[in-house]
Amino acid sequence: MSTDLKKINKLKKNSRRIENGNDQKFVERLIKISRVSKVTKGGKKLSFRAIVVIGDENGQVGVGVAKADDVVNAFKKAKMDGRKNLIKIPITKSLSIPHRVNGTFGACDIIMRPSIEGSGVIAGGAIRTVLEVAGIKNVIAKQLGSDNLLNNARAAICALENLTTKSQVAKKRDLNLN
């Protein structure tokens, strides 16, 4: 009888591992590591801040930020924060965005436009990283205002959140697509 229970427990353990193993493979890209210091009564306390973009290159992307006493822990914490903030975005057959969109975060403004197939990602800085990790291959983006990497990445996420498909608009307006 105890051997049967051991087999059942073994199957349960393996099924949990398989569930975790089915998790999508995410790509992590580090945007910036900066050394920050906090002035305390006893002196300066140094720590590191990591900004990470995480995505599956198939329409899911998120930006994570975290601080820790060393670089490795800051990167891990930022990765976990990015997983918590994942968003799903629509991508066209030509691996572009469906329509023109604007995004704003803080003093950063971003304009994104779909582009023809084969043009590549025409964007700078953190926006390029966010778009590549999201799986968008053909897009034109322009950043206006501040050149802060974190705010630009978050503005790109805001812009990508505003994307809609024809079917979503039709459903919202109670129309039939025939």
N, C-alpha and C. Protein backbone atom coordinates (compact mmCIF):
# COMPACT_ATOMS: atom_id res chain seq x y z
N MET A 1 0.82 -1.20 0.00
CA MET A 1 0.00 0.00 0.00
C MET A 1 0.86 1.26 0.00
N SER A 2 1.94 1.24 0.76
CA SER A 2 2.79 2.43 0.83
C SER A 2 3.48 2.69 -0.50
N THR A 3 3.77 1.64 -1.28
CA THR A 3 4.41 1.85 -2.58
C THR A 3 3.47 2.57 -3.54
N ASP A 4 2.15 2.26 -3.43
CA ASP A 4 1.18 2.96 -4.28
C ASP A 4 1.15 4.45 -3.95
N LEU A 5 1.20 4.77 -2.66
CA LEU A 5 1.19 6.17 -2.25
C LEU A 5 2.44 6.89 -2.75
N LYS A 6 3.58 6.18 -2.70
CA LYS A 6 4.82 6.79 -3.18
C LYS A 6 4.72 7.10 -4.67
N LYS A 7 4.12 6.17 -5.45
CA LYS A 7 3.95 6.40 -6.88
C LYS A 7 3.05 7.60 -7.14
N ILE A 8 1.97 7.69 -6.39
CA ILE A 8 1.03 8.81 -6.57
C ILE A 8 1.71 10.12 -6.23
N ASN A 9 2.46 10.14 -5.10
CA ASN A 9 3.17 11.36 -4.73
C ASN A 9 4.21 11.74 -5.77
N LYS A 10 4.88 10.74 -6.34
CA LYS A 10 5.88 11.01 -7.36
C LYS A 10 5.22 11.64 -8.58
N LEU A 11 4.06 11.11 -8.98
CA LEU A 11 3.33 11.67 -10.12
C LEU A 11 2.91 13.11 -9.84
N LYS A 12 2.45 13.37 -8.61
CA LYS A 12 2.02 14.73 -8.26
C LYS A 12 3.20 15.69 -8.34
N LYS A 13 4.35 15.29 -7.80
CA LYS A 13 5.53 16.14 -7.84
C LYS A 13 5.93 16.42 -9.27
N ASN A 14 5.93 15.38 -10.11
CA ASN A 14 6.30 15.56 -11.50
C ASN A 14 5.31 16.46 -12.23
N SER A 15 4.02 16.33 -11.90
CA SER A 15 3.03 17.17 -12.59
C SER A 15 3.26 18.64 -12.25
N ARG A 16 3.66 18.93 -11.03
CA ARG A 16 3.96 20.32 -10.67
C ARG A 16 5.15 20.83 -11.46
N ARG A 17 6.14 19.99 -11.58
CA ARG A 17 7.33 20.39 -12.34
C ARG A 17 6.98 20.62 -13.80
N ILE A 18 6.12 19.76 -14.34
CA ILE A 18 5.72 19.89 -15.73
C ILE A 18 4.94 21.19 -15.92
N GLU A 19 4.05 21.52 -14.98
CA GLU A 19 3.30 22.77 -15.06
C GLU A 19 4.26 23.95 -15.09
N ASN A 20 5.26 23.93 -14.22
CA ASN A 20 6.25 25.02 -14.22
C ASN A 20 7.09 24.99 -15.49
N GLY A 21 7.34 23.81 -16.03
CA GLY A 21 8.14 23.67 -17.23
C GLY A 21 7.41 24.18 -18.47
N ASN A 22 6.06 24.15 -18.44
CA ASN A 22 5.29 24.64 -19.58
C ASN A 22 5.26 26.15 -19.67
N ASP A 23 5.80 26.82 -18.67
CA ASP A 23 5.85 28.27 -18.67
C ASP A 23 6.62 28.74 -19.89
N GLN A 24 6.15 29.85 -20.50
CA GLN A 24 6.80 30.33 -21.71
C GLN A 24 8.23 30.75 -21.42
N LYS A 25 9.03 30.67 -22.46
CA LYS A 25 10.41 31.15 -22.35
C LYS A 25 10.41 32.65 -22.57
N PHE A 26 10.86 33.37 -21.59
CA PHE A 26 10.90 34.82 -21.68
C PHE A 26 12.32 35.28 -21.97
N VAL A 27 12.41 36.35 -22.74
CA VAL A 27 13.69 36.98 -23.04
C VAL A 27 13.82 38.18 -22.12
N GLU A 28 14.97 38.28 -21.44
CA GLU A 28 15.21 39.43 -20.56
C GLU A 28 16.31 40.28 -21.15
N ARG A 29 16.06 41.57 -21.22
CA ARG A 29 17.09 42.50 -21.70
C ARG A 29 17.29 43.57 -20.65
N LEU A 30 18.51 43.80 -20.32
CA LEU A 30 18.86 44.82 -19.33
C LEU A 30 18.97 46.16 -20.04
N ILE A 31 18.22 47.14 -19.58
CA ILE A 31 18.30 48.48 -20.16
C ILE A 31 19.40 49.27 -19.47
N LYS A 32 19.40 49.25 -18.13
CA LYS A 32 20.38 50.05 -17.42
C LYS A 32 20.59 49.53 -16.00
N ILE A 33 21.84 49.57 -15.56
CA ILE A 33 22.19 49.34 -14.15
C ILE A 33 22.80 50.64 -13.66
N SER A 34 22.27 51.17 -12.59
CA SER A 34 22.86 52.40 -12.05
C SER A 34 23.17 52.21 -10.57
N ARG A 35 24.25 52.83 -10.15
CA ARG A 35 24.62 52.77 -8.73
C ARG A 35 23.99 53.97 -8.04
N VAL A 36 23.22 53.69 -7.00
CA VAL A 36 22.55 54.76 -6.27
C VAL A 36 23.03 54.73 -4.83
N SER A 37 23.02 55.87 -4.19
CA SER A 37 23.46 55.91 -2.80
C SER A 37 22.44 56.65 -1.94
N LYS A 38 22.29 56.17 -0.74
CA LYS A 38 21.39 56.78 0.23
C LYS A 38 22.26 57.28 1.38
N VAL A 39 22.11 58.53 1.71
CA VAL A 39 22.91 59.11 2.78
C VAL A 39 22.19 58.89 4.11
N THR A 40 22.86 58.20 5.02
CA THR A 40 22.29 57.94 6.34
C THR A 40 23.20 58.58 7.40
N LYS A 41 22.77 58.43 8.64
CA LYS A 41 23.55 59.00 9.74
C LYS A 41 24.94 58.37 9.82
N GLY A 42 25.02 57.07 9.46
CA GLY A 42 26.30 56.37 9.54
C GLY A 42 27.16 56.52 8.30
N GLY A 43 26.68 57.19 7.29
CA GLY A 43 27.46 57.36 6.06
C GLY A 43 26.59 57.09 4.85
N LYS A 44 27.24 56.77 3.72
CA LYS A 44 26.51 56.50 2.49
C LYS A 44 26.28 55.01 2.32
N LYS A 45 25.06 54.64 1.97
CA LYS A 45 24.73 53.24 1.72
C LYS A 45 24.56 53.07 0.22
N LEU A 46 25.43 52.29 -0.40
CA LEU A 46 25.39 52.08 -1.84
C LEU A 46 24.48 50.91 -2.18
N SER A 47 23.71 51.06 -3.27
CA SER A 47 22.92 49.96 -3.81
C SER A 47 22.84 50.13 -5.31
N PHE A 48 22.25 49.15 -6.00
CA PHE A 48 22.17 49.15 -7.45
C PHE A 48 20.72 49.09 -7.89
N ARG A 49 20.40 49.85 -8.95
CA ARG A 49 19.06 49.84 -9.52
C ARG A 49 19.14 49.26 -10.92
N ALA A 50 18.29 48.28 -11.20
CA ALA A 50 18.27 47.63 -12.51
C ALA A 50 16.93 47.91 -13.19
N ILE A 51 17.00 48.20 -14.49
CA ILE A 51 15.81 48.35 -15.32
C ILE A 51 15.87 47.23 -16.36
N VAL A 52 14.85 46.36 -16.37
CA VAL A 52 14.85 45.18 -17.21
C VAL A 52 13.55 45.14 -18.02
N VAL A 53 13.66 44.76 -19.30
CA VAL A 53 12.49 44.51 -20.14
C VAL A 53 12.41 43.01 -20.34
N ILE A 54 11.21 42.45 -20.12
CA ILE A 54 11.02 41.01 -20.25
C ILE A 54 9.86 40.77 -21.21
N GLY A 55 10.02 39.78 -22.10
CA GLY A 55 8.97 39.48 -23.05
C GLY A 55 9.18 38.13 -23.69
N ASP A 56 8.16 37.65 -24.42
CA ASP A 56 8.27 36.34 -25.05
C ASP A 56 8.46 36.44 -26.57
N GLU A 57 8.68 37.65 -27.09
CA GLU A 57 8.85 37.90 -28.52
C GLU A 57 7.65 37.42 -29.32
N ASN A 58 6.48 37.40 -28.68
CA ASN A 58 5.26 36.97 -29.36
C ASN A 58 4.06 37.78 -28.87
N GLY A 59 4.28 39.02 -28.48
CA GLY A 59 3.17 39.87 -28.09
C GLY A 59 3.03 40.12 -26.61
N GLN A 60 3.93 39.62 -25.79
CA GLN A 60 3.89 39.90 -24.36
C GLN A 60 5.16 40.65 -23.97
N VAL A 61 5.00 41.72 -23.18
CA VAL A 61 6.16 42.51 -22.77
C VAL A 61 5.85 43.20 -21.46
N GLY A 62 6.90 43.41 -20.66
CA GLY A 62 6.76 44.13 -19.39
C GLY A 62 8.09 44.77 -19.00
N VAL A 63 7.99 45.85 -18.23
CA VAL A 63 9.18 46.56 -17.75
C VAL A 63 9.23 46.41 -16.24
N GLY A 64 10.42 46.06 -15.72
CA GLY A 64 10.59 45.90 -14.28
C GLY A 64 11.75 46.73 -13.77
N VAL A 65 11.58 47.27 -12.57
CA VAL A 65 12.62 48.08 -11.93
C VAL A 65 12.78 47.57 -10.50
N ALA A 66 14.03 47.46 -10.04
CA ALA A 66 14.26 47.02 -8.67
C ALA A 66 15.62 47.49 -8.19
N LYS A 67 15.74 47.59 -6.87
CA LYS A 67 17.01 47.96 -6.23
C LYS A 67 17.43 46.84 -5.30
N ALA A 68 18.76 46.65 -5.19
CA ALA A 68 19.31 45.67 -4.26
C ALA A 68 20.75 46.06 -3.95
N ASP A 69 21.33 45.36 -2.97
CA ASP A 69 22.70 45.67 -2.55
C ASP A 69 23.74 45.24 -3.57
N ASP A 70 23.40 44.25 -4.42
CA ASP A 70 24.34 43.85 -5.47
C ASP A 70 23.60 43.74 -6.80
N VAL A 71 24.36 43.70 -7.87
CA VAL A 71 23.80 43.77 -9.22
C VAL A 71 22.94 42.55 -9.53
N VAL A 72 23.38 41.36 -9.15
CA VAL A 72 22.67 40.13 -9.48
C VAL A 72 21.29 40.12 -8.85
N ASN A 73 21.19 40.47 -7.58
CA ASN A 73 19.89 40.50 -6.91
C ASN A 73 18.99 41.58 -7.49
N ALA A 74 19.56 42.72 -7.85
CA ALA A 74 18.77 43.78 -8.46
C ALA A 74 18.19 43.31 -9.79
N PHE A 75 19.00 42.59 -10.58
CA PHE A 75 18.53 42.06 -11.87
C PHE A 75 17.41 41.05 -11.66
N LYS A 76 17.58 40.14 -10.69
CA LYS A 76 16.55 39.13 -10.41
C LYS A 76 15.24 39.77 -9.97
N LYS A 77 15.35 40.75 -9.07
CA LYS A 77 14.15 41.43 -8.58
C LYS A 77 13.46 42.21 -9.69
N ALA A 78 14.23 42.83 -10.56
CA ALA A 78 13.65 43.57 -11.67
C ALA A 78 12.96 42.63 -12.65
N LYS A 79 13.55 41.44 -12.85
CA LYS A 79 12.93 40.42 -13.71
C LYS A 79 11.57 40.00 -13.16
N MET A 80 11.51 39.78 -11.85
CA MET A 80 10.23 39.40 -11.22
C MET A 80 9.22 40.53 -11.34
N ASP A 81 9.67 41.77 -11.19
CA ASP A 81 8.78 42.91 -11.32
C ASP A 81 8.26 43.02 -12.76
N GLY A 82 9.10 42.73 -13.73
CA GLY A 82 8.69 42.75 -15.12
C GLY A 82 7.65 41.69 -15.42
N ARG A 83 7.80 40.50 -14.83
CA ARG A 83 6.80 39.43 -15.01
C ARG A 83 5.44 39.84 -14.45
N LYS A 84 5.46 40.58 -13.33
CA LYS A 84 4.20 41.02 -12.73
C LYS A 84 3.49 42.04 -13.61
N ASN A 85 4.26 42.80 -14.40
CA ASN A 85 3.69 43.89 -15.19
C ASN A 85 3.57 43.54 -16.67
N LEU A 86 3.44 42.26 -17.02
CA LEU A 86 3.34 41.86 -18.42
C LEU A 86 2.02 42.33 -19.03
N ILE A 87 2.10 42.79 -20.27
CA ILE A 87 0.89 43.13 -21.02
C ILE A 87 0.89 42.35 -22.32
N LYS A 88 -0.29 42.12 -22.88
CA LYS A 88 -0.44 41.41 -24.14
C LYS A 88 -0.78 42.44 -25.21
N ILE A 89 -0.07 42.39 -26.34
CA ILE A 89 -0.30 43.36 -27.40
C ILE A 89 -0.61 42.65 -28.71
N PRO A 90 -1.44 43.27 -29.56
CA PRO A 90 -1.73 42.66 -30.87
C PRO A 90 -0.61 42.95 -31.86
N ILE A 91 -0.26 41.93 -32.63
CA ILE A 91 0.77 42.07 -33.65
C ILE A 91 0.17 41.62 -34.98
N THR A 92 0.44 42.35 -36.05
CA THR A 92 -0.09 42.00 -37.37
C THR A 92 0.72 40.87 -37.99
N LYS A 93 0.25 40.39 -39.15
CA LYS A 93 0.95 39.31 -39.84
C LYS A 93 2.33 39.73 -40.31
N SER A 94 2.49 41.04 -40.59
CA SER A 94 3.79 41.53 -41.03
C SER A 94 4.69 41.90 -39.85
N LEU A 95 4.34 41.41 -38.65
CA LEU A 95 5.10 41.66 -37.42
C LEU A 95 5.26 43.15 -37.14
N SER A 96 4.16 43.87 -37.29
CA SER A 96 4.13 45.29 -37.01
C SER A 96 2.98 45.57 -36.06
N ILE A 97 2.71 46.84 -35.80
CA ILE A 97 1.58 47.21 -34.95
C ILE A 97 0.39 47.53 -35.85
N PRO A 98 -0.84 47.38 -35.35
CA PRO A 98 -2.02 47.57 -36.20
C PRO A 98 -2.25 49.01 -36.67
N HIS A 99 -1.90 49.99 -35.88
CA HIS A 99 -2.18 51.39 -36.23
C HIS A 99 -1.21 52.31 -35.52
N ARG A 100 -1.28 53.60 -35.89
CA ARG A 100 -0.44 54.63 -35.28
C ARG A 100 -0.90 54.84 -33.84
N VAL A 101 0.06 55.06 -32.93
CA VAL A 101 -0.29 55.19 -31.52
C VAL A 101 0.71 56.11 -30.83
N ASN A 102 0.23 56.81 -29.80
CA ASN A 102 1.07 57.69 -29.00
C ASN A 102 1.09 57.17 -27.57
N GLY A 103 2.19 57.42 -26.87
CA GLY A 103 2.30 57.05 -25.47
C GLY A 103 3.00 58.14 -24.69
N THR A 104 2.55 58.34 -23.46
CA THR A 104 3.13 59.38 -22.61
C THR A 104 3.36 58.81 -21.23
N PHE A 105 4.52 59.11 -20.68
CA PHE A 105 4.80 58.79 -19.28
C PHE A 105 5.76 59.85 -18.78
N GLY A 106 5.35 60.58 -17.76
CA GLY A 106 6.18 61.66 -17.25
C GLY A 106 6.36 62.71 -18.33
N ALA A 107 7.60 63.11 -18.59
CA ALA A 107 7.89 64.10 -19.62
C ALA A 107 8.24 63.46 -20.95
N CYS A 108 8.06 62.14 -21.07
CA CYS A 108 8.41 61.42 -22.29
C CYS A 108 7.16 61.21 -23.15
N ASP A 109 7.26 61.60 -24.40
CA ASP A 109 6.20 61.34 -25.38
C ASP A 109 6.78 60.44 -26.46
N ILE A 110 5.97 59.48 -26.92
CA ILE A 110 6.42 58.53 -27.93
C ILE A 110 5.38 58.44 -29.02
N ILE A 111 5.84 58.42 -30.26
CA ILE A 111 4.98 58.22 -31.41
C ILE A 111 5.44 56.93 -32.08
N MET A 112 4.49 56.00 -32.32
CA MET A 112 4.81 54.74 -33.01
C MET A 112 3.90 54.63 -34.23
N ARG A 113 4.51 54.22 -35.35
CA ARG A 113 3.75 54.01 -36.58
C ARG A 113 4.10 52.66 -37.16
N PRO A 114 3.12 51.97 -37.75
CA PRO A 114 3.44 50.71 -38.43
C PRO A 114 4.29 50.98 -39.66
N SER A 115 5.08 50.01 -40.03
CA SER A 115 5.98 50.16 -41.16
C SER A 115 5.86 48.95 -42.08
N ILE A 116 6.37 49.09 -43.31
CA ILE A 116 6.28 47.99 -44.26
C ILE A 116 7.21 46.86 -43.85
N GLU A 117 6.92 45.69 -44.37
CA GLU A 117 7.70 44.51 -44.02
C GLU A 117 9.13 44.65 -44.53
N GLY A 118 10.08 44.35 -43.67
CA GLY A 118 11.49 44.42 -44.04
C GLY A 118 12.18 45.70 -43.63
N SER A 119 11.43 46.64 -43.07
CA SER A 119 12.05 47.91 -42.70
C SER A 119 12.80 47.81 -41.37
N GLY A 120 12.39 46.89 -40.51
CA GLY A 120 13.06 46.72 -39.22
C GLY A 120 12.53 47.67 -38.17
N VAL A 121 13.14 47.63 -37.00
CA VAL A 121 12.75 48.50 -35.89
C VAL A 121 13.56 49.78 -36.00
N ILE A 122 12.87 50.86 -36.32
CA ILE A 122 13.53 52.16 -36.40
C ILE A 122 13.13 52.92 -35.14
N ALA A 123 13.93 52.79 -34.11
CA ALA A 123 13.66 53.43 -32.83
C ALA A 123 14.98 53.53 -32.08
N GLY A 124 14.99 54.33 -31.05
CA GLY A 124 16.22 54.51 -30.30
C GLY A 124 16.06 54.17 -28.84
N GLY A 125 17.18 53.85 -28.21
CA GLY A 125 17.23 53.67 -26.77
C GLY A 125 16.37 52.56 -26.24
N ALA A 126 15.64 52.88 -25.19
CA ALA A 126 14.84 51.88 -24.49
C ALA A 126 13.64 51.43 -25.32
N ILE A 127 13.16 52.29 -26.21
CA ILE A 127 11.99 51.93 -27.02
C ILE A 127 12.32 50.76 -27.93
N ARG A 128 13.50 50.79 -28.52
CA ARG A 128 13.95 49.70 -29.40
C ARG A 128 13.96 48.38 -28.63
N THR A 129 14.48 48.40 -27.43
CA THR A 129 14.55 47.19 -26.62
C THR A 129 13.16 46.66 -26.32
N VAL A 130 12.24 47.54 -25.93
CA VAL A 130 10.87 47.12 -25.61
C VAL A 130 10.21 46.51 -26.84
N LEU A 131 10.36 47.12 -28.01
CA LEU A 131 9.72 46.62 -29.22
C LEU A 131 10.32 45.29 -29.67
N GLU A 132 11.63 45.13 -29.56
CA GLU A 132 12.27 43.88 -29.96
C GLU A 132 11.85 42.72 -29.06
N VAL A 133 11.79 42.99 -27.76
CA VAL A 133 11.41 41.94 -26.81
C VAL A 133 9.93 41.58 -26.97
N ALA A 134 9.12 42.55 -27.41
CA ALA A 134 7.70 42.29 -27.65
C ALA A 134 7.47 41.45 -28.90
N GLY A 135 8.45 41.41 -29.81
CA GLY A 135 8.31 40.62 -31.02
C GLY A 135 7.91 41.45 -32.22
N ILE A 136 7.93 42.76 -32.10
CA ILE A 136 7.58 43.63 -33.21
C ILE A 136 8.85 43.86 -34.05
N LYS A 137 8.76 43.56 -35.35
CA LYS A 137 9.94 43.62 -36.20
C LYS A 137 9.94 44.82 -37.14
N ASN A 138 8.76 45.37 -37.48
CA ASN A 138 8.66 46.45 -38.45
C ASN A 138 7.86 47.61 -37.87
N VAL A 139 8.55 48.62 -37.40
CA VAL A 139 7.87 49.76 -36.78
C VAL A 139 8.79 50.97 -36.82
N ILE A 140 8.18 52.15 -36.85
CA ILE A 140 8.92 53.40 -36.76
C ILE A 140 8.48 54.07 -35.47
N ALA A 141 9.43 54.45 -34.63
CA ALA A 141 9.09 55.09 -33.35
C ALA A 141 9.98 56.31 -33.15
N LYS A 142 9.41 57.32 -32.54
CA LYS A 142 10.15 58.54 -32.25
C LYS A 142 9.89 58.94 -30.81
N GLN A 143 10.96 59.23 -30.07
CA GLN A 143 10.79 59.69 -28.69
C GLN A 143 10.97 61.20 -28.67
N LEU A 144 10.07 61.86 -27.96
CA LEU A 144 10.09 63.31 -27.82
C LEU A 144 10.16 63.65 -26.35
N GLY A 145 10.70 64.80 -26.03
CA GLY A 145 10.77 65.21 -24.63
C GLY A 145 11.99 64.63 -23.96
N SER A 146 11.80 64.11 -22.78
CA SER A 146 12.90 63.63 -21.94
C SER A 146 13.57 62.40 -22.55
N ASP A 147 14.86 62.21 -22.25
CA ASP A 147 15.58 61.03 -22.71
C ASP A 147 15.84 60.05 -21.57
N ASN A 148 15.06 60.13 -20.51
CA ASN A 148 15.17 59.22 -19.37
C ASN A 148 14.81 57.81 -19.84
N LEU A 149 15.70 56.84 -19.64
CA LEU A 149 15.49 55.48 -20.14
C LEU A 149 14.27 54.80 -19.54
N LEU A 150 14.09 54.93 -18.23
CA LEU A 150 12.96 54.28 -17.57
C LEU A 150 11.63 54.87 -18.03
N ASN A 151 11.55 56.19 -18.09
CA ASN A 151 10.30 56.82 -18.52
C ASN A 151 10.01 56.54 -19.98
N ASN A 152 11.04 56.45 -20.82
CA ASN A 152 10.82 56.10 -22.23
C ASN A 152 10.31 54.67 -22.36
N ALA A 153 10.85 53.75 -21.58
CA ALA A 153 10.38 52.36 -21.63
C ALA A 153 8.94 52.28 -21.16
N ARG A 154 8.60 53.00 -20.10
CA ARG A 154 7.22 52.98 -19.61
C ARG A 154 6.27 53.68 -20.57
N ALA A 155 6.73 54.73 -21.26
CA ALA A 155 5.91 55.39 -22.26
C ALA A 155 5.65 54.45 -23.44
N ALA A 156 6.65 53.64 -23.79
CA ALA A 156 6.47 52.65 -24.86
C ALA A 156 5.42 51.62 -24.45
N ILE A 157 5.46 51.20 -23.19
CA ILE A 157 4.45 50.25 -22.69
C ILE A 157 3.06 50.89 -22.73
N CYS A 158 2.96 52.16 -22.34
CA CYS A 158 1.67 52.87 -22.39
C CYS A 158 1.15 52.93 -23.82
N ALA A 159 2.04 53.20 -24.78
CA ALA A 159 1.62 53.25 -26.18
C ALA A 159 1.15 51.88 -26.65
N LEU A 160 1.88 50.83 -26.29
CA LEU A 160 1.50 49.49 -26.72
C LEU A 160 0.19 49.03 -26.08
N GLU A 161 -0.11 49.52 -24.87
CA GLU A 161 -1.38 49.18 -24.21
C GLU A 161 -2.56 49.77 -24.97
N ASN A 162 -2.35 50.89 -25.68
CA ASN A 162 -3.44 51.56 -26.40
C ASN A 162 -3.74 50.93 -27.75
N LEU A 163 -3.00 49.90 -28.16
CA LEU A 163 -3.25 49.26 -29.44
C LEU A 163 -4.52 48.43 -29.40
N THR A 164 -5.30 48.50 -30.47
CA THR A 164 -6.52 47.70 -30.59
C THR A 164 -6.55 47.05 -31.97
N THR A 165 -7.33 46.00 -32.11
CA THR A 165 -7.51 45.33 -33.39
C THR A 165 -8.88 45.70 -33.95
N LYS A 166 -9.10 45.35 -35.21
CA LYS A 166 -10.40 45.64 -35.85
C LYS A 166 -11.53 44.93 -35.11
N SER A 167 -11.27 43.69 -34.72
CA SER A 167 -12.32 42.92 -34.04
C SER A 167 -12.67 43.52 -32.68
N GLN A 168 -11.69 44.05 -31.96
CA GLN A 168 -11.97 44.68 -30.67
C GLN A 168 -12.81 45.94 -30.85
N VAL A 169 -12.49 46.73 -31.87
CA VAL A 169 -13.26 47.95 -32.14
C VAL A 169 -14.68 47.60 -32.57
N ALA A 170 -14.81 46.59 -33.43
CA ALA A 170 -16.14 46.17 -33.88
C ALA A 170 -16.99 45.67 -32.71
N LYS A 171 -16.37 44.93 -31.80
CA LYS A 171 -17.10 44.42 -30.63
C LYS A 171 -17.55 45.57 -29.73
N LYS A 172 -16.67 46.55 -29.58
CA LYS A 172 -16.99 47.70 -28.75
C LYS A 172 -18.15 48.51 -29.32
N ARG A 173 -18.22 48.58 -30.67
CA ARG A 173 -19.28 49.35 -31.34
C ARG A 173 -20.48 48.51 -31.73
N ASP A 174 -20.47 47.24 -31.34
CA ASP A 174 -21.55 46.30 -31.68
C ASP A 174 -21.77 46.18 -33.18
N LEU A 175 -20.69 45.99 -33.93
CA LEU A 175 -20.75 45.82 -35.38
C LEU A 175 -20.37 44.40 -35.76
N ASN A 176 -20.82 43.98 -36.94
CA ASN A 176 -20.44 42.66 -37.48
C ASN A 176 -19.35 42.84 -38.50
N LEU A 177 -18.32 42.01 -38.46
CA LEU A 177 -17.26 42.04 -39.46
C LEU A 177 -17.57 41.00 -40.52
N ASN A 178 -18.20 41.42 -41.60
CA ASN A 178 -18.53 40.51 -42.71
C ASN A 178 -17.97 41.00 -44.01
